[in-house]
Amino acid sequence: MKLLGIFIVITITATIAAVLPMAAQRITINGGLPGAHGTIPPDKLQRINSGEAFKIARVKYSGGGDWYNDPEEEPNLLQYVRDHTNIKVDPVYEWVDLASDKLFSYPFLFLSGHGNIALTENEVTRLRAYLENGGFLYVDDDYGLDKYIRREMKKVFPNQDFTELPFSHGIYHCFYDFPNGCPKIMEHDGKPAQGFGLFANGRMCVYYTYQTDPSDGWNDADVHEISEDKRQEAFRFGTNIVVWALTN
């Protein structure tokens, strides 16, 4: 059993070395675009265009929740990011299993759904390694995910609870300005929209939105009953999440 443990650690460590150069490549942005909040420092602009185009990976999970719902969301958001920044993106839908070594080839994971999520011990270990070594996870409660994602992320970071972010946090101001924090896109229970974080080595590595569902706003216009103003707000907010993840 000790040999198996050593093998797992070596495998994860070797795979991390292959991925998280992506964290150093990061992005290129036109900070002066209309509607942008500010500019990106020159030292960050130097870490650009040295790798493959940016993609988002949807997290596949067990437990019965619909991890696969609305596959148009990521391509639509990435198309918006490409049109409104000069981040090099590939607007495709891809999913990844946490038990797969392919996990470590993505700098940004997206997890959503309406119900239960259950992570195995191996998935917990690998997700922790991914997050502690530069990876980023965005979780959006599509309605019904909250109590399950809190339970499972407590396994990943046993010494942390989700911390609500102040409206002054950089994720709300890094490209577009959201002075009141995350926008309210879907009504759900009618409660205020909230954004929470988990941290590793002083860096926010998990961002979680609750009672808002921005990702529904990224879907095709005819899927949900969302006004075009709300859809555009959701796209702008999604752009902020991408920019924050790739510059911090």
Protein backbone atom coordinates (compact mmCIF):
# COMPACT_ATOMS: atom_id res chain seq x y z
CA MET A 1 0.00 0.00 0.00
CA LYS A 2 2.89 2.38 0.72
CA LEU A 3 4.23 1.78 -2.79
CA LEU A 4 0.82 2.63 -4.26
CA GLY A 5 0.77 5.88 -2.31
CA ILE A 6 4.23 6.77 -3.60
CA PHE A 7 3.12 6.01 -7.16
CA ILE A 8 0.08 8.28 -6.86
CA VAL A 9 2.15 11.17 -5.51
CA ILE A 10 4.79 10.77 -8.24
CA THR A 11 2.12 10.56 -10.95
CA ILE A 12 0.32 13.69 -9.76
CA THR A 13 3.56 15.63 -9.30
CA ALA A 14 4.82 14.72 -12.76
CA THR A 15 1.52 15.61 -14.35
CA ILE A 16 1.36 18.97 -12.56
CA ALA A 17 4.72 19.85 -14.08
CA ALA A 18 3.14 19.40 -17.51
CA VAL A 19 0.04 21.60 -16.78
CA LEU A 20 0.65 24.33 -14.83
CA PRO A 21 3.14 26.02 -17.15
CA MET A 22 -0.31 27.09 -18.40
CA ALA A 23 -0.53 29.28 -15.31
CA ALA A 24 2.61 31.06 -16.43
CA GLN A 25 1.42 31.49 -20.03
CA ARG A 26 -1.85 33.00 -18.90
CA ILE A 27 -3.29 35.63 -21.19
CA THR A 28 -3.22 38.75 -23.27
CA ILE A 29 -5.83 41.46 -22.82
CA ASN A 30 -6.67 44.81 -24.36
CA GLY A 31 -7.21 46.76 -21.16
CA GLY A 32 -8.25 49.80 -23.18
CA LEU A 33 -11.25 48.17 -24.86
CA PRO A 34 -14.58 50.05 -24.46
CA GLY A 35 -16.20 49.02 -21.20
CA ALA A 36 -13.01 47.65 -19.69
CA HIS A 37 -12.30 48.64 -16.11
CA GLY A 38 -8.56 49.03 -16.41
CA THR A 39 -5.34 47.83 -17.97
CA ILE A 40 -3.18 44.80 -17.35
CA PRO A 41 0.36 45.51 -16.08
CA PRO A 42 3.08 45.04 -18.72
CA ASP A 43 4.73 42.18 -16.82
CA LYS A 44 1.50 40.18 -17.09
CA LEU A 45 1.09 41.06 -20.75
CA GLN A 46 4.49 39.48 -21.40
CA ARG A 47 3.14 36.08 -20.35
CA ILE A 48 1.05 35.67 -23.48
CA ASN A 49 0.60 33.72 -26.68
CA SER A 50 3.25 31.17 -25.78
CA GLY A 51 0.94 28.17 -25.58
CA GLU A 52 -2.27 26.71 -26.83
CA ALA A 53 -5.48 28.72 -26.96
CA PHE A 54 -7.36 28.96 -23.66
CA LYS A 55 -10.17 26.45 -23.10
CA ILE A 56 -12.54 25.74 -20.24
CA ALA A 57 -13.07 22.15 -19.07
CA ARG A 58 -16.42 21.09 -17.61
CA VAL A 59 -15.98 18.83 -14.57
CA LYS A 60 -17.61 15.42 -14.86
CA TYR A 61 -18.67 14.08 -11.47
CA SER A 62 -20.66 11.21 -9.95
CA GLY A 63 -23.56 11.35 -7.52
CA GLY A 64 -26.51 11.87 -9.85
CA GLY A 65 -26.25 15.60 -10.56
CA ASP A 66 -26.47 16.79 -14.17
CA TRP A 67 -22.86 17.89 -14.63
CA TYR A 68 -23.38 17.83 -18.41
CA ASN A 69 -26.30 20.29 -18.68
CA ASP A 70 -26.31 23.21 -21.15
CA PRO A 71 -23.11 22.45 -23.11
CA GLU A 72 -23.50 25.65 -25.15
CA GLU A 73 -22.51 27.80 -22.18
CA GLU A 74 -18.71 27.56 -22.29
CA PRO A 75 -18.36 28.02 -26.09
CA ASN A 76 -20.66 31.07 -25.96
CA LEU A 77 -18.70 32.62 -23.09
CA LEU A 78 -15.38 31.94 -24.79
CA GLN A 79 -16.69 33.52 -27.99
CA TYR A 80 -17.63 36.61 -25.98
CA VAL A 81 -14.19 36.68 -24.35
CA ARG A 82 -12.56 36.43 -27.77
CA ASP A 83 -14.71 39.25 -29.15
CA HIS A 84 -14.16 41.62 -26.22
CA THR A 85 -10.54 40.93 -25.22
CA ASN A 86 -7.49 39.70 -27.09
CA ILE A 87 -7.21 36.55 -25.03
CA LYS A 88 -6.42 33.70 -27.38
CA VAL A 89 -9.27 31.21 -26.88
CA ASP A 90 -10.68 28.07 -28.43
CA PRO A 91 -14.50 28.31 -28.05
CA VAL A 92 -15.27 24.61 -27.73
CA TYR A 93 -17.06 22.42 -25.20
CA GLU A 94 -14.79 19.95 -23.43
CA TRP A 95 -15.26 17.93 -20.25
CA VAL A 96 -12.76 16.28 -17.95
CA ASP A 97 -12.86 13.51 -15.39
CA LEU A 98 -11.02 14.43 -12.18
CA ALA A 99 -9.40 10.98 -12.19
CA SER A 100 -7.86 11.62 -15.61
CA ASP A 101 -4.37 13.04 -16.12
CA LYS A 102 -5.97 15.34 -18.70
CA LEU A 103 -7.19 17.36 -15.70
CA PHE A 104 -3.78 18.97 -15.40
CA SER A 105 -3.81 20.30 -18.97
CA TYR A 106 -6.54 22.85 -18.18
CA PRO A 107 -5.91 26.05 -16.19
CA PHE A 108 -9.66 26.62 -15.67
CA LEU A 109 -12.37 24.14 -14.62
CA PHE A 110 -16.13 24.79 -14.55
CA LEU A 111 -18.52 22.79 -12.36
CA SER A 112 -22.29 23.19 -12.33
CA GLY A 113 -25.51 21.24 -11.94
CA HIS A 114 -28.77 20.90 -10.03
CA GLY A 115 -28.17 18.08 -7.56
CA ASN A 116 -25.83 15.74 -5.77
CA ILE A 117 -22.10 15.51 -6.36
CA ALA A 118 -19.90 12.78 -4.90
CA LEU A 119 -16.11 12.78 -5.16
CA THR A 120 -13.98 9.70 -4.57
CA GLU A 121 -10.91 9.87 -2.34
CA ASN A 122 -8.72 9.80 -5.44
CA GLU A 123 -10.68 12.66 -7.06
CA VAL A 124 -10.40 14.71 -3.87
CA THR A 125 -6.62 14.18 -3.77
CA ARG A 126 -6.17 15.09 -7.41
CA LEU A 127 -8.43 18.14 -7.26
CA ARG A 128 -6.52 19.42 -4.22
CA ALA A 129 -3.21 18.94 -6.04
CA TYR A 130 -4.59 20.73 -9.10
CA LEU A 131 -5.81 23.72 -7.07
CA GLU A 132 -2.73 24.01 -4.88
CA ASN A 133 -0.48 24.11 -7.95
CA GLY A 134 -2.08 26.94 -9.92
CA GLY A 135 -5.37 25.54 -11.21
CA PHE A 136 -8.69 27.38 -10.88
CA LEU A 137 -12.22 26.05 -10.36
CA TYR A 138 -15.38 28.06 -10.96
CA VAL A 139 -18.51 26.55 -9.40
CA ASP A 140 -21.97 27.86 -10.30
CA ASP A 141 -24.99 26.59 -8.38
CA ASP A 142 -27.51 25.89 -11.12
CA TYR A 143 -30.08 25.48 -8.30
CA GLY A 144 -29.88 22.52 -5.92
CA LEU A 145 -26.08 22.10 -5.81
CA ASP A 146 -25.28 24.18 -2.73
CA LYS A 147 -25.32 21.71 0.16
CA TYR A 148 -23.54 19.05 -1.90
CA ILE A 149 -20.71 21.22 -3.22
CA ARG A 150 -20.06 22.59 0.28
CA ARG A 151 -19.82 19.03 1.63
CA GLU A 152 -17.48 17.83 -1.11
CA MET A 153 -15.20 20.89 -1.10
CA LYS A 154 -14.81 20.44 2.66
CA LYS A 155 -13.13 17.15 1.78
CA VAL A 156 -10.75 18.98 -0.55
CA PHE A 157 -9.92 21.71 1.99
CA PRO A 158 -10.85 20.34 5.43
CA ASN A 159 -9.56 23.42 7.26
CA GLN A 160 -11.60 25.91 5.23
CA ASP A 161 -15.17 26.98 4.72
CA PHE A 162 -16.33 29.05 1.77
CA THR A 163 -15.63 32.71 2.52
CA GLU A 164 -17.97 35.34 1.08
CA LEU A 165 -15.99 37.87 -0.94
CA PRO A 166 -16.34 41.59 -0.27
CA PHE A 167 -17.59 43.76 -3.13
CA SER A 168 -14.10 45.28 -3.25
CA HIS A 169 -12.52 41.97 -4.30
CA GLY A 170 -10.57 42.12 -7.54
CA ILE A 171 -12.72 39.58 -9.36
CA TYR A 172 -15.49 42.20 -9.43
CA HIS A 173 -13.28 44.93 -10.92
CA CYS A 174 -10.49 43.27 -12.94
CA PHE A 175 -11.99 43.99 -16.38
CA TYR A 176 -15.60 45.13 -16.07
CA ASP A 177 -16.76 46.92 -12.94
CA PHE A 178 -19.32 45.21 -10.69
CA PRO A 179 -19.52 47.54 -7.67
CA ASN A 180 -22.21 45.41 -6.01
CA GLY A 181 -20.46 42.08 -6.46
CA CYS A 182 -21.83 39.25 -8.58
CA PRO A 183 -24.92 40.22 -10.58
CA LYS A 184 -28.33 38.65 -10.06
CA ILE A 185 -29.10 36.71 -13.26
CA MET A 186 -31.67 34.07 -12.21
CA GLU A 187 -34.17 34.53 -9.37
CA HIS A 188 -33.92 31.06 -7.75
CA ASP A 189 -35.19 31.69 -4.18
CA GLY A 190 -35.18 35.45 -4.56
CA LYS A 191 -32.19 35.82 -2.24
CA PRO A 192 -29.28 38.16 -3.00
CA ALA A 193 -26.55 36.86 -5.26
CA GLN A 194 -23.42 35.79 -3.41
CA GLY A 195 -19.87 34.96 -4.37
CA PHE A 196 -17.58 32.79 -2.22
CA GLY A 197 -13.94 31.76 -2.37
CA LEU A 198 -11.57 29.04 -1.24
CA PHE A 199 -7.85 29.75 -1.06
CA ALA A 200 -4.55 27.94 -1.46
CA ASN A 201 -1.19 29.55 -0.73
CA GLY A 202 -2.87 32.95 -0.47
CA ARG A 203 -4.51 32.65 -3.92
CA MET A 204 -8.23 32.26 -4.54
CA CYS A 205 -8.33 28.92 -6.36
CA VAL A 206 -12.10 28.26 -6.15
CA TYR A 207 -14.83 30.80 -6.87
CA TYR A 208 -18.45 29.84 -6.14
CA THR A 209 -21.59 31.75 -7.14
CA TYR A 210 -24.90 31.14 -5.34
CA GLN A 211 -28.45 32.41 -5.95
CA THR A 212 -27.55 33.97 -9.30
CA ASP A 213 -26.56 31.35 -11.93
CA PRO A 214 -24.50 33.51 -14.33
CA SER A 215 -23.80 30.49 -16.53
CA ASP A 216 -27.47 30.28 -17.53
CA GLY A 217 -26.95 33.70 -19.06
CA TRP A 218 -24.20 32.29 -21.28
CA ASN A 219 -26.61 29.90 -22.94
CA ASP A 220 -28.25 30.44 -26.31
CA ALA A 221 -30.81 33.23 -26.16
CA ASP A 222 -33.81 30.95 -26.70
CA VAL A 223 -32.99 28.46 -23.91
CA HIS A 224 -33.86 30.45 -20.78
CA GLU A 225 -36.22 33.36 -20.27
CA ILE A 226 -33.46 35.88 -19.67
CA SER A 227 -33.49 39.43 -21.02
CA GLU A 228 -30.72 40.43 -23.39
CA ASP A 229 -29.50 42.98 -20.83
CA LYS A 230 -29.12 40.19 -18.26
CA ARG A 231 -27.38 37.94 -20.78
CA GLN A 232 -24.85 40.67 -21.55
CA GLU A 233 -24.31 41.23 -17.83
CA ALA A 234 -23.68 37.50 -17.40
CA PHE A 235 -21.17 37.49 -20.26
CA ARG A 236 -19.33 40.49 -18.83
CA PHE A 237 -19.21 38.83 -15.43
CA GLY A 238 -17.97 35.57 -16.94
CA THR A 239 -15.23 37.56 -18.66
CA ASN A 240 -14.17 38.92 -15.27
CA ILE A 241 -13.95 35.39 -13.87
CA VAL A 242 -11.74 34.30 -16.77
CA VAL A 243 -9.52 37.37 -16.55
CA TRP A 244 -9.14 36.98 -12.78
CA ALA A 245 -8.30 33.29 -13.03
CA LEU A 246 -5.66 33.87 -15.69
CA THR A 247 -3.94 36.83 -14.07
CA ASN A 248 -3.81 35.74 -10.42
